[in-house]
N, C-alpha and C. Protein backbone atom coordinates (compact mmCIF):
# COMPACT_ATOMS: atom_id res chain seq x y z
N MET A 1 116.11 100.89 91.80
CA MET A 1 114.94 101.71 91.52
C MET A 1 114.56 102.48 92.78
N GLU A 2 114.24 103.73 92.61
CA GLU A 2 113.77 104.54 93.75
C GLU A 2 112.39 104.05 94.16
N ILE A 3 112.23 103.76 95.43
CA ILE A 3 111.00 103.14 95.93
C ILE A 3 109.76 103.98 95.65
N LEU A 4 109.87 105.30 95.70
CA LEU A 4 108.70 106.15 95.48
C LEU A 4 108.33 106.26 94.01
N LYS A 5 109.14 105.70 93.13
CA LYS A 5 108.86 105.72 91.69
C LYS A 5 108.20 104.44 91.20
N ILE A 6 107.99 103.48 92.09
CA ILE A 6 107.29 102.26 91.71
C ILE A 6 105.86 102.65 91.33
N PRO A 7 105.37 102.20 90.19
CA PRO A 7 104.06 102.66 89.70
C PRO A 7 102.91 102.53 90.70
N PHE A 8 102.81 101.41 91.42
CA PHE A 8 101.69 101.28 92.35
C PHE A 8 101.86 102.19 93.56
N VAL A 9 103.09 102.39 94.00
CA VAL A 9 103.35 103.33 95.11
C VAL A 9 102.93 104.73 94.69
N GLU A 10 103.23 105.13 93.47
CA GLU A 10 102.80 106.42 92.96
C GLU A 10 101.29 106.50 92.86
N LYS A 11 100.66 105.43 92.38
CA LYS A 11 99.20 105.42 92.22
C LYS A 11 98.49 105.58 93.56
N VAL A 12 99.00 104.89 94.58
CA VAL A 12 98.39 104.97 95.90
C VAL A 12 98.59 106.38 96.49
N GLY A 13 99.67 107.04 96.12
CA GLY A 13 99.89 108.41 96.58
C GLY A 13 100.79 108.52 97.79
N ILE A 14 101.71 107.58 97.94
CA ILE A 14 102.66 107.66 99.05
C ILE A 14 103.70 108.72 98.71
N GLU A 15 103.95 109.59 99.67
CA GLU A 15 104.90 110.68 99.48
C GLU A 15 105.85 110.74 100.67
N GLN A 16 106.95 111.44 100.48
CA GLN A 16 107.92 111.63 101.55
C GLN A 16 107.80 113.05 102.07
N ASP A 17 107.89 113.20 103.40
CA ASP A 17 108.02 114.51 104.01
C ASP A 17 109.16 114.46 105.01
N GLU A 18 109.33 115.47 105.81
CA GLU A 18 110.46 115.54 106.74
C GLU A 18 110.40 114.48 107.85
N LYS A 19 109.23 113.89 108.08
CA LYS A 19 109.07 112.88 109.13
C LYS A 19 109.15 111.45 108.60
N GLY A 20 109.09 111.29 107.32
CA GLY A 20 109.12 109.95 106.73
C GLY A 20 108.20 109.85 105.54
N LEU A 21 107.46 108.76 105.48
CA LEU A 21 106.51 108.57 104.39
C LEU A 21 105.10 108.86 104.88
N LYS A 22 104.26 109.30 103.97
CA LYS A 22 102.86 109.55 104.32
C LYS A 22 101.97 109.08 103.18
N LEU A 23 100.78 108.69 103.57
CA LEU A 23 99.78 108.22 102.61
C LEU A 23 98.75 109.33 102.45
N ILE A 24 98.60 109.81 101.25
CA ILE A 24 97.66 110.88 100.97
C ILE A 24 96.24 110.32 100.99
N PHE A 25 95.38 110.95 101.77
CA PHE A 25 93.97 110.55 101.85
C PHE A 25 93.24 111.19 100.68
N ARG A 26 92.83 110.36 99.74
CA ARG A 26 92.11 110.86 98.57
C ARG A 26 91.03 109.86 98.18
N SER A 27 90.07 110.30 97.41
CA SER A 27 88.88 109.51 97.13
C SER A 27 89.17 108.19 96.42
N ASP A 28 90.19 108.14 95.58
CA ASP A 28 90.45 106.88 94.88
C ASP A 28 91.17 105.85 95.76
N ASN A 29 91.49 106.20 97.00
CA ASN A 29 92.06 105.26 97.96
C ASN A 29 91.03 104.75 98.96
N LEU A 30 89.76 105.09 98.73
CA LEU A 30 88.72 104.69 99.66
C LEU A 30 88.05 103.39 99.22
N ASN A 31 87.52 102.68 100.18
CA ASN A 31 86.79 101.45 99.87
C ASN A 31 85.29 101.75 99.76
N HIS A 32 84.49 100.72 99.73
CA HIS A 32 83.04 100.87 99.51
C HIS A 32 82.30 101.50 100.70
N ILE A 33 82.96 101.59 101.86
CA ILE A 33 82.32 102.25 103.00
C ILE A 33 83.02 103.56 103.36
N ALA A 34 83.75 104.09 102.39
CA ALA A 34 84.38 105.42 102.47
C ALA A 34 85.45 105.52 103.56
N THR A 35 86.17 104.43 103.81
CA THR A 35 87.34 104.49 104.66
C THR A 35 88.56 104.10 103.83
N LEU A 36 89.73 104.39 104.34
CA LEU A 36 90.95 104.11 103.60
C LEU A 36 91.08 102.62 103.31
N HIS A 37 91.25 102.29 102.07
CA HIS A 37 91.31 100.90 101.63
C HIS A 37 92.52 100.21 102.25
N ALA A 38 92.32 98.98 102.68
CA ALA A 38 93.38 98.20 103.32
C ALA A 38 94.60 98.03 102.43
N SER A 39 94.39 97.89 101.13
CA SER A 39 95.55 97.70 100.24
C SER A 39 96.43 98.95 100.19
N ALA A 40 95.83 100.13 100.32
CA ALA A 40 96.61 101.37 100.38
C ALA A 40 97.43 101.41 101.67
N GLN A 41 96.80 101.04 102.78
CA GLN A 41 97.51 101.02 104.06
C GLN A 41 98.64 99.99 104.04
N PHE A 42 98.36 98.82 103.49
CA PHE A 42 99.37 97.77 103.42
C PHE A 42 100.54 98.20 102.54
N THR A 43 100.25 98.90 101.45
CA THR A 43 101.32 99.37 100.58
C THR A 43 102.24 100.32 101.33
N LEU A 44 101.67 101.21 102.14
CA LEU A 44 102.50 102.10 102.95
C LEU A 44 103.36 101.29 103.92
N ALA A 45 102.74 100.34 104.61
CA ALA A 45 103.48 99.52 105.57
C ALA A 45 104.60 98.71 104.90
N GLU A 46 104.33 98.22 103.71
CA GLU A 46 105.31 97.43 102.99
C GLU A 46 106.42 98.29 102.40
N THR A 47 106.13 99.53 102.07
CA THR A 47 107.10 100.44 101.46
C THR A 47 108.04 101.02 102.51
N PHE A 48 107.55 101.32 103.68
CA PHE A 48 108.33 102.03 104.71
C PHE A 48 109.64 101.34 105.06
N PRO A 49 109.65 100.03 105.38
CA PRO A 49 110.92 99.39 105.75
C PRO A 49 111.95 99.39 104.62
N ARG A 50 111.50 99.39 103.40
CA ARG A 50 112.41 99.37 102.26
C ARG A 50 112.97 100.76 101.96
N PHE A 51 112.45 101.76 102.66
CA PHE A 51 112.89 103.12 102.41
C PHE A 51 114.20 103.43 103.11
N GLY A 52 114.57 102.61 104.08
CA GLY A 52 115.87 102.76 104.71
C GLY A 52 115.88 103.43 106.05
N TRP A 53 114.72 103.56 106.70
CA TRP A 53 114.71 104.14 108.06
C TRP A 53 114.64 103.07 109.08
């Protein structure tokens, strides 16, 4: 399975660009104090090594 097609990875908004993976900053990824939710950050960190870089 292509890693970027995993449903939760798509929901969080992780995308690929020429430098690697990036996490899109959007309102549904924010926590109750309007900062990037830890689970979104962790998903990016967990996805990156499996991407093959």
